[in-house]
Amino acid sequence: MGAASSVPQNSIHEFTVKDSRGRDVDLSSYKGKVLLVVNVASKCGLTTQNYTELTQLYSRYKDRGFEILAFPCNQFLYQEPGPSEKAEEFACTRFKAEYPIFQKVKVNGPDAAPVYKFLKAQKGGVLGSRIKWNFTKFLVDKEGRVVKRYGPTTSPFAIEADIKKAVGEI
């Protein structure tokens, strides 16, 4: 139960996703960068800490080959109710996010975004492959492979050592 279906892709770079305005973004444009992929929500109890820390981590490492890819998701108690553009405006205005905020996605179930099917197939979690809640994080290496998965309550600052290692600072 909760197992991810197998996916043929070997790298996150093989996917195309939509930005907050519905335009295609080829994730191959992130080749050579370390990625932190996060499902975000604006009305969650974890929002303030996560967005604040994500913004600070991005500021520290963006010039060292690090990128955050934020995917709004409304699957957990409807905590991202508005359109994708509102989710982006919220993150960028309230938390000064400079990293990309993509189109809202589903992360679980048969309609889960293909990129999330890939992420979950690469690294399962406590509930098998299912995403437990908002702010589940996936660390992806420069070749597009998932190296680690972190639960929603894991502070972004708690994974800073893993980010430093991935970008080649340790």
C-alpha atoms as a PDB file:
ATOM      1  CA  MET A   1       0.000   0.000   0.000  1.00  0.00           C
ATOM      2  CA  GLY A   2       1.337   3.428  -0.902  1.00  0.00           C
ATOM      3  CA  ALA A   3       4.052   1.988  -3.119  1.00  0.00           C
ATOM      4  CA  ALA A   4       5.077   4.164  -6.015  1.00  0.00           C
ATOM      5  CA  SER A   5       4.589   2.764  -9.447  1.00  0.00           C
ATOM      6  CA  SER A   6       7.832   2.236 -11.270  1.00  0.00           C
ATOM      7  CA  VAL A   7       8.887   5.077 -13.495  1.00  0.00           C
ATOM      8  CA  PRO A   8      11.163   4.760 -16.515  1.00  0.00           C
ATOM      9  CA  GLN A   9      13.094   7.967 -15.868  1.00  0.00           C
ATOM     10  CA  ASN A  10      16.522   7.838 -14.276  1.00  0.00           C
ATOM     11  CA  SER A  11      16.896  11.532 -13.560  1.00  0.00           C
ATOM     12  CA  ILE A  12      14.732  14.473 -12.556  1.00  0.00           C
ATOM     13  CA  HIS A  13      16.273  16.214 -15.584  1.00  0.00           C
ATOM     14  CA  GLU A  14      14.043  14.115 -17.850  1.00  0.00           C
ATOM     15  CA  PHE A  15      10.865  15.935 -16.745  1.00  0.00           C
ATOM     16  CA  THR A  16       9.062  19.023 -17.932  1.00  0.00           C
ATOM     17  CA  VAL A  17       6.872  20.807 -15.380  1.00  0.00           C
ATOM     18  CA  LYS A  18       4.720  23.930 -15.459  1.00  0.00           C
ATOM     19  CA  ASP A  19       5.676  27.212 -13.821  1.00  0.00           C
ATOM     20  CA  SER A  20       3.078  29.107 -11.773  1.00  0.00           C
ATOM     21  CA  ARG A  21       1.688  30.685 -14.938  1.00  0.00           C
ATOM     22  CA  GLY A  22       1.382  27.408 -16.848  1.00  0.00           C
ATOM     23  CA  ARG A  23       4.512  27.695 -19.018  1.00  0.00           C
ATOM     24  CA  ASP A  24       6.662  24.612 -19.596  1.00  0.00           C
ATOM     25  CA  VAL A  25       9.944  24.372 -17.691  1.00  0.00           C
ATOM     26  CA  ASP A  26      12.377  21.688 -18.820  1.00  0.00           C
ATOM     27  CA  LEU A  27      14.124  20.432 -15.687  1.00  0.00           C
ATOM     28  CA  SER A  28      17.205  19.583 -17.775  1.00  0.00           C
ATOM     29  CA  SER A  29      17.994  23.280 -17.350  1.00  0.00           C
ATOM     30  CA  TYR A  30      18.999  22.367 -13.782  1.00  0.00           C
ATOM     31  CA  LYS A  31      21.673  19.847 -14.829  1.00  0.00           C
ATOM     32  CA  GLY A  32      24.794  20.346 -12.745  1.00  0.00           C
ATOM     33  CA  LYS A  33      22.877  21.887  -9.827  1.00  0.00           C
ATOM     34  CA  VAL A  34      21.935  20.413  -6.490  1.00  0.00           C
ATOM     35  CA  LEU A  35      18.168  20.615  -6.028  1.00  0.00           C
ATOM     36  CA  LEU A  36      15.910  20.646  -3.016  1.00  0.00           C
ATOM     37  CA  VAL A  37      12.380  19.786  -4.198  1.00  0.00           C
ATOM     38  CA  VAL A  38       9.638  20.699  -1.722  1.00  0.00           C
ATOM     39  CA  ASN A  39       5.842  20.487  -1.734  1.00  0.00           C
ATOM     40  CA  VAL A  40       4.738  23.766  -0.138  1.00  0.00           C
ATOM     41  CA  ALA A  41       1.530  25.267   1.278  1.00  0.00           C
ATOM     42  CA  SER A  42       0.705  28.754   2.515  1.00  0.00           C
ATOM     43  CA  LYS A  43      -1.781  27.855   5.263  1.00  0.00           C
ATOM     44  CA  CYS A  44       0.093  25.125   7.114  1.00  0.00           C
ATOM     45  CA  GLY A  45       1.481  25.233  10.638  1.00  0.00           C
ATOM     46  CA  LEU A  46       4.901  24.442   9.129  1.00  0.00           C
ATOM     47  CA  THR A  47       4.780  27.299   6.591  1.00  0.00           C
ATOM     48  CA  THR A  48       6.568  30.121   8.418  1.00  0.00           C
ATOM     49  CA  GLN A  49       9.558  28.088   9.620  1.00  0.00           C
ATOM     50  CA  ASN A  50      10.013  26.251   6.329  1.00  0.00           C
ATOM     51  CA  TYR A  51       9.688  29.231   3.998  1.00  0.00           C
ATOM     52  CA  THR A  52      11.907  31.383   6.240  1.00  0.00           C
ATOM     53  CA  GLU A  53      14.653  28.754   6.386  1.00  0.00           C
ATOM     54  CA  LEU A  54      14.354  27.792   2.716  1.00  0.00           C
ATOM     55  CA  THR A  55      14.812  31.430   1.718  1.00  0.00           C
ATOM     56  CA  GLN A  56      17.898  31.725   3.931  1.00  0.00           C
ATOM     57  CA  LEU A  57      19.428  28.484   2.620  1.00  0.00           C
ATOM     58  CA  TYR A  58      18.787  29.582  -0.938  1.00  0.00           C
ATOM     59  CA  SER A  59      20.533  32.900  -0.285  1.00  0.00           C
ATOM     60  CA  ARG A  60      23.562  31.070   1.168  1.00  0.00           C
ATOM     61  CA  TYR A  61      23.988  28.463  -1.567  1.00  0.00           C
ATOM     62  CA  LYS A  62      22.412  29.774  -4.788  1.00  0.00           C
ATOM     63  CA  ASP A  63      25.805  30.932  -6.074  1.00  0.00           C
ATOM     64  CA  ARG A  64      27.295  27.499  -5.346  1.00  0.00           C
ATOM     65  CA  GLY A  65      25.054  25.471  -7.636  1.00  0.00           C
ATOM     66  CA  PHE A  66      22.024  25.044  -5.360  1.00  0.00           C
ATOM     67  CA  GLU A  67      18.396  25.516  -6.365  1.00  0.00           C
ATOM     68  CA  ILE A  68      15.087  25.057  -4.582  1.00  0.00           C
ATOM     69  CA  LEU A  69      12.091  23.890  -6.604  1.00  0.00           C
ATOM     70  CA  ALA A  70       8.828  24.590  -4.745  1.00  0.00           C
ATOM     71  CA  PHE A  71       5.617  22.868  -5.792  1.00  0.00           C
ATOM     72  CA  PRO A  72       2.444  24.152  -4.117  1.00  0.00           C
ATOM     73  CA  CYS A  73       0.082  21.354  -3.145  1.00  0.00           C
ATOM     74  CA  ASN A  74      -3.491  21.459  -1.857  1.00  0.00           C
ATOM     75  CA  GLN A  75      -3.837  17.770  -0.936  1.00  0.00           C
ATOM     76  CA  PHE A  76      -3.328  18.163   2.803  1.00  0.00           C
ATOM     77  CA  LEU A  77      -6.354  19.761   4.482  1.00  0.00           C
ATOM     78  CA  TYR A  78      -6.674  22.201   1.559  1.00  0.00           C
ATOM     79  CA  GLN A  79      -3.814  24.332   2.858  1.00  0.00           C
ATOM     80  CA  GLU A  80      -2.964  25.805  -0.566  1.00  0.00           C
ATOM     81  CA  PRO A  81      -6.463  26.789  -1.749  1.00  0.00           C
ATOM     82  CA  GLY A  82      -5.755  29.549  -4.261  1.00  0.00           C
ATOM     83  CA  PRO A  83      -4.337  29.440  -7.782  1.00  0.00           C
ATOM     84  CA  SER A  84      -0.646  28.820  -8.444  1.00  0.00           C
ATOM     85  CA  GLU A  85       0.019  32.514  -9.047  1.00  0.00           C
ATOM     86  CA  LYS A  86      -1.256  33.325  -5.529  1.00  0.00           C
ATOM     87  CA  ALA A  87       1.029  30.690  -4.022  1.00  0.00           C
ATOM     88  CA  GLU A  88       3.979  32.262  -5.830  1.00  0.00           C
ATOM     89  CA  GLU A  89       2.969  35.782  -4.782  1.00  0.00           C
ATOM     90  CA  PHE A  90       2.643  34.636  -1.154  1.00  0.00           C
ATOM     91  CA  ALA A  91       6.100  33.029  -1.088  1.00  0.00           C
ATOM     92  CA  CYS A  92       7.824  35.873  -2.889  1.00  0.00           C
ATOM     93  CA  THR A  93       6.130  38.719  -1.017  1.00  0.00           C
ATOM     94  CA  ARG A  94       5.895  37.374   2.515  1.00  0.00           C
ATOM     95  CA  PHE A  95       9.066  35.262   2.570  1.00  0.00           C
ATOM     96  CA  LYS A  96      11.176  36.924  -0.152  1.00  0.00           C
ATOM     97  CA  ALA A  97      11.516  33.623  -2.019  1.00  0.00           C
ATOM     98  CA  GLU A  98      13.753  34.029  -5.079  1.00  0.00           C
ATOM     99  CA  TYR A  99      13.603  30.382  -6.108  1.00  0.00           C
ATOM    100  CA  PRO A 100      10.990  29.079  -8.551  1.00  0.00           C
ATOM    101  CA  ILE A 101       7.455  28.370  -7.371  1.00  0.00           C
ATOM    102  CA  PHE A 102       5.821  26.023  -9.863  1.00  0.00           C
ATOM    103  CA  GLN A 103       2.222  25.195 -10.721  1.00  0.00           C
ATOM    104  CA  LYS A 104       0.168  23.453  -8.038  1.00  0.00           C
ATOM    105  CA  VAL A 105       0.499  19.685  -8.202  1.00  0.00           C
ATOM    106  CA  LYS A 106      -0.838  16.561  -6.602  1.00  0.00           C
ATOM    107  CA  VAL A 107       1.880  14.556  -4.881  1.00  0.00           C
ATOM    108  CA  ASN A 108      -0.137  11.445  -3.992  1.00  0.00           C
ATOM    109  CA  GLY A 109      -2.670   9.271  -5.746  1.00  0.00           C
ATOM    110  CA  PRO A 110      -3.239   8.335  -9.375  1.00  0.00           C
ATOM    111  CA  ASP A 111      -3.128  11.987 -10.480  1.00  0.00           C
ATOM    112  CA  ALA A 112       0.203  12.699  -8.795  1.00  0.00           C
ATOM    113  CA  ALA A 113       2.545  14.784 -10.938  1.00  0.00           C
ATOM    114  CA  PRO A 114       5.005  12.558 -12.850  1.00  0.00           C
ATOM    115  CA  VAL A 115       7.964  14.302 -11.221  1.00  0.00           C
ATOM    116  CA  TYR A 116       6.563  13.367  -7.801  1.00  0.00           C
ATOM    117  CA  LYS A 117       5.998   9.764  -8.898  1.00  0.00           C
ATOM    118  CA  PHE A 118       9.695   9.731  -9.803  1.00  0.00           C
ATOM    119  CA  LEU A 119      10.827  11.323  -6.519  1.00  0.00           C
ATOM    120  CA  LYS A 120       8.780   8.902  -4.425  1.00  0.00           C
ATOM    121  CA  ALA A 121       9.975   5.888  -6.443  1.00  0.00           C
ATOM    122  CA  GLN A 122      13.579   6.921  -5.768  1.00  0.00           C
ATOM    123  CA  LYS A 123      13.214   7.464  -2.008  1.00  0.00           C
ATOM    124  CA  GLY A 124      10.389   6.075   0.068  1.00  0.00           C
ATOM    125  CA  GLY A 125       9.432   7.493   3.431  1.00  0.00           C
ATOM    126  CA  VAL A 126       7.916   6.370   6.717  1.00  0.00           C
ATOM    127  CA  LEU A 127       4.572   5.714   4.999  1.00  0.00           C
ATOM    128  CA  GLY A 128       6.141   3.872   2.079  1.00  0.00           C
ATOM    129  CA  SER A 129       6.307   6.114  -0.931  1.00  0.00           C
ATOM    130  CA  ARG A 130       3.361   8.344   0.051  1.00  0.00           C
ATOM    131  CA  ILE A 131       4.035  11.966   0.892  1.00  0.00           C
ATOM    132  CA  LYS A 132       2.942  12.415   4.502  1.00  0.00           C
ATOM    133  CA  TRP A 133       2.305  16.180   4.582  1.00  0.00           C
ATOM    134  CA  ASN A 134       3.324  19.587   3.289  1.00  0.00           C
ATOM    135  CA  PHE A 135       7.039  20.415   3.213  1.00  0.00           C
ATOM    136  CA  THR A 136       8.381  16.944   2.454  1.00  0.00           C
ATOM    137  CA  LYS A 137      11.810  17.584   0.945  1.00  0.00           C
ATOM    138  CA  PHE A 138      13.910  15.672  -1.591  1.00  0.00           C
ATOM    139  CA  LEU A 139      17.622  16.394  -2.057  1.00  0.00           C
ATOM    140  CA  VAL A 140      18.669  15.737  -5.653  1.00  0.00           C
ATOM    141  CA  ASP A 141      22.312  15.568  -6.777  1.00  0.00           C
ATOM    142  CA  LYS A 142      23.879  17.336  -9.755  1.00  0.00           C
ATOM    143  CA  GLU A 143      23.114  14.340 -12.006  1.00  0.00           C
ATOM    144  CA  GLY A 144      19.407  14.477 -11.123  1.00  0.00           C
ATOM    145  CA  ARG A 145      19.313  11.478  -8.768  1.00  0.00           C
ATOM    146  CA  VAL A 146      17.470  11.625  -5.448  1.00  0.00           C
ATOM    147  CA  VAL A 147      19.970  11.288  -2.638  1.00  0.00           C
ATOM    148  CA  LYS A 148      17.805  11.798   0.415  1.00  0.00           C
ATOM    149  CA  ARG A 149      14.242  12.405   1.546  1.00  0.00           C
ATOM    150  CA  TYR A 150      13.278  14.443   4.601  1.00  0.00           C
ATOM    151  CA  GLY A 151       9.981  14.495   6.469  1.00  0.00           C
ATOM    152  CA  PRO A 152       7.773  17.561   6.802  1.00  0.00           C
ATOM    153  CA  THR A 153       8.949  18.419  10.319  1.00  0.00           C
ATOM    154  CA  THR A 154      12.640  18.281   9.376  1.00  0.00           C
ATOM    155  CA  SER A 155      13.839  21.857   9.492  1.00  0.00           C
ATOM    156  CA  PRO A 156      15.569  23.050   6.321  1.00  0.00           C
ATOM    157  CA  PHE A 157      18.461  24.178   8.545  1.00  0.00           C
ATOM    158  CA  ALA A 158      18.801  20.578   9.802  1.00  0.00           C
ATOM    159  CA  ILE A 159      19.754  19.449   6.284  1.00  0.00           C
ATOM    160  CA  GLU A 160      22.312  22.180   5.645  1.00  0.00           C
ATOM    161  CA  ALA A 161      25.261  19.797   6.123  1.00  0.00           C
ATOM    162  CA  ASP A 162      23.812  17.521   3.420  1.00  0.00           C
ATOM    163  CA  ILE A 163      23.439  20.525   1.093  1.00  0.00           C
ATOM    164  CA  LYS A 164      27.041  21.603   1.750  1.00  0.00           C
ATOM    165  CA  LYS A 165      28.246  18.088   0.958  1.00  0.00           C
ATOM    166  CA  ALA A 166      26.147  17.908  -2.219  1.00  0.00           C
ATOM    167  CA  VAL A 167      27.438  21.238  -3.546  1.00  0.00           C
ATOM    168  CA  GLY A 168      31.007  20.136  -2.753  1.00  0.00           C
ATOM    169  CA  GLU A 169      31.788  22.284   0.288  1.00  0.00           C
ATOM    170  CA  ILE A 170      32.488  19.364   2.636  1.00  0.00           C
END
